[in-house]
């Protein structure tokens, strides 16, 4: 994965956070990401916000990443805490650094995991229910207008008219990189990861299981780019730490996380699936061929195309 990110940064001049997002949207296909990155990231809107509930002494951060063209919610992340230090991060920070800080705050004393998840779900639901005109306005809207757009649903969610919100809007624009150099021919190192081989030194692979579904997708039909639901069942301390960080571990135990399939291989024990949680963190699961799994297939898969980025640009 590190090779793919660095190659994309070299070819387009984008930063690490933008490269990660473009690869995620293009099903981790470097060549497609290089071709599409100027158009992809012209339409990406990142909303970084801080909010406070003074009466409850609760402080929060959120990050919402939207595709303004396809009107899709790409990310909705939030943290709530009794610790005001969570709001120490600057709204002018790069969205990638902002998200990293947000994730770290989830592990601090005083964090509120259940409330954090509710805020994420509320923000995602708000934008999924929005009229197309809202996404059109976001492209040119001032931060004050967007703040008003989100203050109302958050106040309604908490039933707290005292909630205050500050927000910064970023449009990720790589239009200046319209003239791209020729993409290098892919090598074995840059291809899809070989699951049977030892992982790269900087890649942490977690043991996972995939969520089954009686009306789901057969293991043999899973493809790179499918969205599946993974549970971290790795007993290592670092795995438990990351599972909690990603929202996949609660007081009741592991909960499924929606993640993209990065690669599929056959093995004597069944189908070997690798999913991607984040840069440097993947998960492997052996899925028996007679099982059905909960998976979201995009329109591209119906055409035999494994690049799930096309789901964001239908029509």
Protein backbone atom coordinates (compact mmCIF):
# COMPACT_ATOMS: atom_id res chain seq x y z
CA UNK A 1 0.00 0.00 0.00
CA UNK A 2 2.87 2.37 0.78
CA UNK A 3 4.22 1.83 -2.75
CA UNK A 4 0.85 2.75 -4.24
CA UNK A 5 0.54 5.92 -2.17
CA UNK A 6 4.07 7.09 -2.95
CA UNK A 7 3.66 6.33 -6.66
CA UNK A 8 0.43 8.32 -6.82
CA UNK A 9 2.02 11.23 -4.94
CA UNK A 10 4.97 11.19 -7.35
CA UNK A 11 2.81 11.04 -10.48
CA UNK A 12 0.27 13.72 -9.52
CA UNK A 13 1.94 15.90 -6.89
CA UNK A 14 -0.91 15.30 -4.44
CA UNK A 15 -0.29 14.91 -0.71
CA UNK A 16 -0.51 11.67 1.26
CA UNK A 17 -4.07 12.18 2.48
CA UNK A 18 -5.36 12.97 -1.01
CA UNK A 19 -3.54 9.94 -2.43
CA UNK A 20 -5.13 7.65 0.16
CA UNK A 21 -8.62 8.94 -0.62
CA UNK A 22 -8.15 8.66 -4.39
CA UNK A 23 -6.90 5.07 -4.09
CA UNK A 24 -9.83 4.19 -1.85
CA UNK A 25 -12.28 5.60 -4.41
CA UNK A 26 -10.57 3.79 -7.31
CA UNK A 27 -10.53 0.35 -5.72
CA UNK A 28 -6.78 0.61 -4.99
CA UNK A 29 -5.94 0.57 -8.71
CA UNK A 30 -2.98 2.94 -9.12
CA UNK A 31 -3.30 3.44 -12.86
CA UNK A 32 -6.98 4.35 -12.58
CA UNK A 33 -6.29 6.69 -9.66
CA UNK A 34 -3.58 8.53 -11.64
CA UNK A 35 -5.94 9.03 -14.57
CA UNK A 36 -8.90 10.07 -12.47
CA UNK A 37 -7.41 12.05 -9.59
CA UNK A 38 -7.86 15.57 -11.07
CA UNK A 39 -11.57 14.95 -11.68
CA UNK A 40 -12.12 12.91 -8.53
CA UNK A 41 -10.72 15.41 -6.10
CA UNK A 42 -12.25 18.47 -7.72
CA UNK A 43 -15.53 17.23 -6.29
CA UNK A 44 -14.42 16.33 -2.76
CA UNK A 45 -15.59 18.52 0.11
CA UNK A 46 -14.13 18.04 3.60
CA UNK A 47 -16.03 19.58 6.52
CA UNK A 48 -14.03 19.83 9.76
CA UNK A 49 -15.93 20.93 12.82
CA UNK A 50 -15.70 21.54 16.55
CA UNK A 51 -18.75 21.70 18.79
CA UNK A 52 -19.38 22.27 22.48
CA UNK A 53 -22.27 21.55 24.84
CA UNK A 54 -21.42 23.94 27.71
CA UNK A 55 -24.16 22.78 30.08
CA UNK A 56 -22.90 19.18 29.89
CA UNK A 57 -19.19 20.09 29.63
CA UNK A 58 -18.97 17.96 26.48
CA UNK A 59 -16.66 18.74 23.58
CA UNK A 60 -16.62 17.21 20.13
CA UNK A 61 -14.95 17.01 16.74
CA UNK A 62 -16.31 15.75 13.46
CA UNK A 63 -15.09 15.24 9.93
CA UNK A 64 -17.45 14.72 7.00
CA UNK A 65 -16.05 14.03 3.53
CA UNK A 66 -18.53 14.36 0.67
CA UNK A 67 -18.42 13.73 -3.06
CA UNK A 68 -20.31 16.74 -4.38
CA UNK A 69 -20.79 15.26 -7.85
CA UNK A 70 -22.25 11.90 -6.87
CA UNK A 71 -23.76 13.35 -3.66
CA UNK A 72 -22.29 10.57 -1.58
CA UNK A 73 -21.03 10.58 2.00
CA UNK A 74 -17.50 9.18 1.79
CA UNK A 75 -16.61 9.55 5.47
CA UNK A 76 -18.34 10.62 8.65
CA UNK A 77 -16.12 10.58 11.73
CA UNK A 78 -16.76 12.06 15.17
CA UNK A 79 -15.55 12.02 18.74
CA UNK A 80 -17.18 13.37 21.90
CA UNK A 81 -15.43 13.76 25.22
CA UNK A 82 -15.48 15.48 28.59
CA UNK A 83 -11.88 16.51 27.87
CA UNK A 84 -11.72 19.96 26.23
CA UNK A 85 -8.27 19.09 24.85
CA UNK A 86 -9.94 17.22 21.98
CA UNK A 87 -10.65 20.63 20.45
CA UNK A 88 -6.99 21.68 20.57
CA UNK A 89 -6.51 20.75 16.91
CA UNK A 90 -6.77 23.67 14.48
CA UNK A 91 -9.59 23.73 11.95
CA UNK A 92 -7.00 24.87 9.40
CA UNK A 93 -5.18 21.53 9.76
CA UNK A 94 -5.13 19.24 6.74
CA UNK A 95 -8.18 16.98 6.85
CA UNK A 96 -5.93 13.90 7.00
CA UNK A 97 -4.15 15.23 10.12
CA UNK A 98 -7.49 16.33 11.57
CA UNK A 99 -8.88 12.80 11.17
CA UNK A 100 -5.77 11.30 12.76
CA UNK A 101 -6.17 13.57 15.80
CA UNK A 102 -9.86 12.70 15.99
CA UNK A 103 -9.11 8.97 16.03
CA UNK A 104 -6.51 9.44 18.75
CA UNK A 105 -8.97 11.34 20.93
CA UNK A 106 -11.28 8.33 20.98
CA UNK A 107 -8.77 6.55 23.20
CA UNK A 108 -8.40 9.34 25.74
CA UNK A 109 -9.91 9.23 29.19
CA UNK A 110 -13.28 10.94 29.16
CA UNK A 111 -14.22 9.96 25.61
CA UNK A 112 -17.83 8.96 24.93
CA UNK A 113 -17.82 6.11 22.37
CA UNK A 114 -21.59 5.61 22.13
CA UNK A 115 -22.31 9.31 21.74
CA UNK A 116 -19.49 9.63 19.19
CA UNK A 117 -21.01 6.89 17.06
CA UNK A 118 -24.44 8.52 17.28
CA UNK A 119 -23.02 11.82 16.00
CA UNK A 120 -21.37 10.03 13.07
CA UNK A 121 -24.63 8.32 12.18
CA UNK A 122 -26.61 11.55 12.55
CA UNK A 123 -24.28 13.49 10.26
CA UNK A 124 -24.19 10.73 7.65
CA UNK A 125 -27.99 10.43 7.73
CA UNK A 126 -28.37 14.20 7.38
CA UNK A 127 -26.38 14.38 4.15
CA UNK A 128 -27.84 11.18 2.71
CA UNK A 129 -31.28 12.74 3.08
CA UNK A 130 -30.27 16.10 1.60
CA UNK A 131 -31.70 17.40 -1.64
CA UNK A 132 -29.25 17.68 -4.58
CA UNK A 133 -29.35 21.46 -4.25
CA UNK A 134 -27.62 21.23 -0.86
CA UNK A 135 -24.59 19.55 -2.43
CA UNK A 136 -24.59 22.11 -5.22
CA UNK A 137 -24.55 24.96 -2.69
CA UNK A 138 -21.73 23.39 -0.67
CA UNK A 139 -19.29 23.91 -3.51
CA UNK A 140 -19.38 27.71 -3.11
CA UNK A 141 -21.00 28.15 0.30
CA UNK A 142 -19.24 30.16 2.99
CA UNK A 143 -18.28 28.44 6.23
CA UNK A 144 -20.98 30.36 8.14
CA UNK A 145 -23.69 28.99 5.85
CA UNK A 146 -22.45 25.41 6.25
CA UNK A 147 -22.22 25.92 10.01
CA UNK A 148 -25.90 26.88 10.08
CA UNK A 149 -26.70 23.83 7.92
CA UNK A 150 -25.19 21.47 10.51
CA UNK A 151 -25.96 23.30 13.75
CA UNK A 152 -29.69 22.64 13.42
CA UNK A 153 -29.51 18.82 13.12
CA UNK A 154 -26.93 18.55 15.90
CA UNK A 155 -29.02 20.69 18.25
CA UNK A 156 -32.07 18.60 17.36
CA UNK A 157 -30.14 15.38 17.97
CA UNK A 158 -29.02 16.43 21.45
CA UNK A 159 -32.14 18.50 22.17
CA UNK A 160 -29.71 21.19 23.22
CA UNK A 161 -30.16 24.71 21.87
CA UNK A 162 -27.00 25.75 23.70
CA UNK A 163 -24.77 23.68 21.41
CA UNK A 164 -22.26 25.86 19.55
CA UNK A 165 -20.39 24.86 16.41
CA UNK A 166 -17.39 26.12 14.44
CA UNK A 167 -16.57 24.71 11.03
CA UNK A 168 -14.02 24.88 8.21
CA UNK A 169 -14.77 23.76 4.66
CA UNK A 170 -12.05 22.51 2.30
CA UNK A 171 -12.49 21.68 -1.37
CA UNK A 172 -9.79 19.24 -2.47
CA UNK A 173 -8.84 20.56 -5.90
CA UNK A 174 -6.20 18.90 -8.06
CA UNK A 175 -7.30 20.49 -11.33
CA UNK A 176 -3.84 21.99 -11.82
CA UNK A 177 -2.51 18.49 -12.44
CA UNK A 178 -4.40 17.94 -15.69
CA UNK A 179 -1.22 17.07 -17.57
CA UNK A 180 0.03 13.85 -16.03
CA UNK A 181 3.17 12.01 -16.92
CA UNK A 182 2.82 8.57 -18.45
CA UNK A 183 1.94 5.98 -15.85
CA UNK A 184 4.79 3.52 -15.31
CA UNK A 185 4.07 -0.04 -16.30
CA UNK A 186 2.88 -1.90 -13.22
CA UNK A 187 5.37 -4.27 -11.67
CA UNK A 188 4.73 -7.21 -9.42
CA UNK A 189 5.55 -4.99 -6.47
CA UNK A 190 2.90 -2.46 -7.49
CA UNK A 191 0.23 -5.01 -8.30
CA UNK A 192 -2.43 -6.37 -6.01
CA UNK A 193 -0.99 -7.77 -2.81
CA UNK A 194 -0.18 -11.44 -2.71
CA UNK A 195 -1.97 -12.75 0.33
CA UNK A 196 0.05 -15.93 0.50
CA UNK A 197 3.31 -13.99 0.77
CA UNK A 198 4.54 -12.39 3.99
CA UNK A 199 3.13 -8.88 4.43
CA UNK A 200 5.32 -5.87 3.71
CA UNK A 201 7.28 -4.65 6.69
CA UNK A 202 5.11 -1.56 7.18
CA UNK A 203 1.77 -3.39 6.82
CA UNK A 204 -0.03 -4.69 9.90
CA UNK A 205 -2.43 -7.51 9.03
CA UNK A 206 -5.21 -8.24 11.53
CA UNK A 207 -7.14 -11.47 11.91
CA UNK A 208 -10.78 -10.86 11.00
CA UNK A 209 -14.06 -12.58 10.22
CA UNK A 210 -16.64 -11.39 7.71
CA UNK A 211 -20.31 -10.91 8.51
CA UNK A 212 -22.49 -13.65 7.05
CA UNK A 213 -25.88 -13.06 5.41
CA UNK A 214 -28.34 -15.72 4.27
CA UNK A 215 -29.13 -13.59 1.22
CA UNK A 216 -25.58 -12.38 0.71
CA UNK A 217 -22.78 -12.93 -1.78
CA UNK A 218 -21.08 -16.35 -2.11
CA UNK A 219 -17.46 -16.34 -1.00
CA UNK A 220 -16.31 -17.36 -4.47
CA UNK A 221 -17.98 -14.27 -5.97
CA UNK A 222 -16.38 -11.68 -3.70
CA UNK A 223 -14.26 -9.23 -5.67
CA UNK A 224 -11.77 -6.44 -4.97
CA UNK A 225 -13.77 -3.27 -4.40
CA UNK A 226 -16.75 -4.94 -2.72
CA UNK A 227 -17.77 -3.41 0.59
CA UNK A 228 -17.98 -6.05 3.33
CA UNK A 229 -18.46 -6.04 7.10
CA UNK A 230 -15.45 -7.22 9.09
CA UNK A 231 -15.00 -8.01 12.78
CA UNK A 232 -11.53 -7.86 14.30
CA UNK A 233 -10.99 -11.14 16.19
CA UNK A 234 -7.26 -10.70 16.66
CA UNK A 235 -6.24 -11.06 20.30
CA UNK A 236 -3.05 -9.01 20.11
CA UNK A 237 -2.94 -5.80 22.11
CA UNK A 238 -2.21 -3.69 19.03
CA UNK A 239 -5.14 -5.31 17.22
CA UNK A 240 -7.52 -4.55 20.10
CA UNK A 241 -6.21 -0.98 20.23
CA UNK A 242 -6.82 -0.46 16.51
CA UNK A 243 -10.22 -2.16 16.61
CA UNK A 244 -11.35 0.32 19.24
CA UNK A 245 -9.80 3.17 17.27
CA UNK A 246 -11.75 2.18 14.14
CA UNK A 247 -15.01 1.80 16.07
CA UNK A 248 -14.97 -1.99 15.82
CA UNK A 249 -14.73 -2.79 19.53
CA UNK A 250 -17.20 -1.81 22.23
CA UNK A 251 -17.82 -2.85 25.82
CA UNK A 252 -20.03 -5.62 24.44
CA UNK A 253 -17.31 -6.99 22.18
CA UNK A 254 -16.38 -6.75 18.49
CA UNK A 255 -18.81 -5.05 16.11
CA UNK A 256 -18.65 -5.16 12.30
CA UNK A 257 -16.89 -2.38 10.39
CA UNK A 258 -17.75 -1.65 6.75
CA UNK A 259 -14.52 -1.89 4.75
CA UNK A 260 -13.46 -2.41 1.12
CA UNK A 261 -12.06 -5.70 -0.13
CA UNK A 262 -8.57 -5.08 -1.47
CA UNK A 263 -7.72 -8.51 -2.88
CA UNK A 264 -9.08 -12.04 -3.21
CA UNK A 265 -7.13 -15.28 -3.59
CA UNK A 266 -7.96 -18.97 -3.52
CA UNK A 267 -6.43 -21.19 -0.86
CA UNK A 268 -6.83 -24.86 0.14
CA UNK A 269 -8.99 -23.78 3.10
CA UNK A 270 -11.28 -21.58 1.00
CA UNK A 271 -11.25 -18.04 -0.33
CA UNK A 272 -8.69 -15.73 1.25
CA UNK A 273 -9.95 -12.14 1.47
CA UNK A 274 -7.91 -9.09 2.36
CA UNK A 275 -9.69 -5.92 3.45
CA UNK A 276 -8.25 -2.48 4.02
CA UNK A 277 -8.91 -0.57 7.26
CA UNK A 278 -6.47 2.30 6.77
CA UNK A 279 -3.00 3.09 5.49
CA UNK A 280 -0.71 0.42 6.90
CA UNK A 281 -3.55 -1.65 8.40
CA UNK A 282 -5.27 -4.53 6.59
CA UNK A 283 -7.24 -7.61 7.62
CA UNK A 284 -7.21 -11.19 6.36
CA UNK A 285 -10.03 -13.73 6.57
CA UNK A 286 -10.47 -17.23 5.18
CA UNK A 287 -14.07 -17.52 3.99
CA UNK A 288 -15.43 -21.01 3.23
CA UNK A 289 -16.88 -21.37 -0.23
CA UNK A 290 -20.27 -22.59 1.02
CA UNK A 291 -20.99 -19.43 3.03
CA UNK A 292 -22.81 -16.25 2.00
CA UNK A 293 -21.49 -12.88 3.14
CA UNK A 294 -22.98 -9.44 3.63
CA UNK A 295 -21.52 -7.32 0.84
CA UNK A 296 -22.42 -4.21 -1.12
CA UNK A 297 -21.90 -4.54 -4.85
CA UNK A 298 -21.73 -1.40 -6.99
CA UNK A 299 -23.14 -1.05 -10.49
CA UNK A 300 -19.61 -1.55 -11.81
CA UNK A 301 -19.62 -5.13 -10.50
CA UNK A 302 -22.67 -5.95 -12.58
CA UNK A 303 -20.57 -5.09 -15.62
CA UNK A 304 -17.74 -7.27 -14.38
CA UNK A 305 -15.66 -4.28 -13.28
CA UNK A 306 -14.03 -4.62 -9.86
CA UNK A 307 -13.32 -0.90 -9.42
CA UNK A 308 -15.83 0.25 -6.82
CA UNK A 309 -14.95 3.92 -7.35
CA UNK A 310 -17.45 3.90 -10.23
CA UNK A 311 -20.28 3.71 -7.70
CA UNK A 312 -19.58 7.35 -6.87
CA UNK A 313 -19.94 8.50 -10.49
CA UNK A 314 -23.03 6.68 -11.74
CA UNK A 315 -24.93 8.65 -14.34
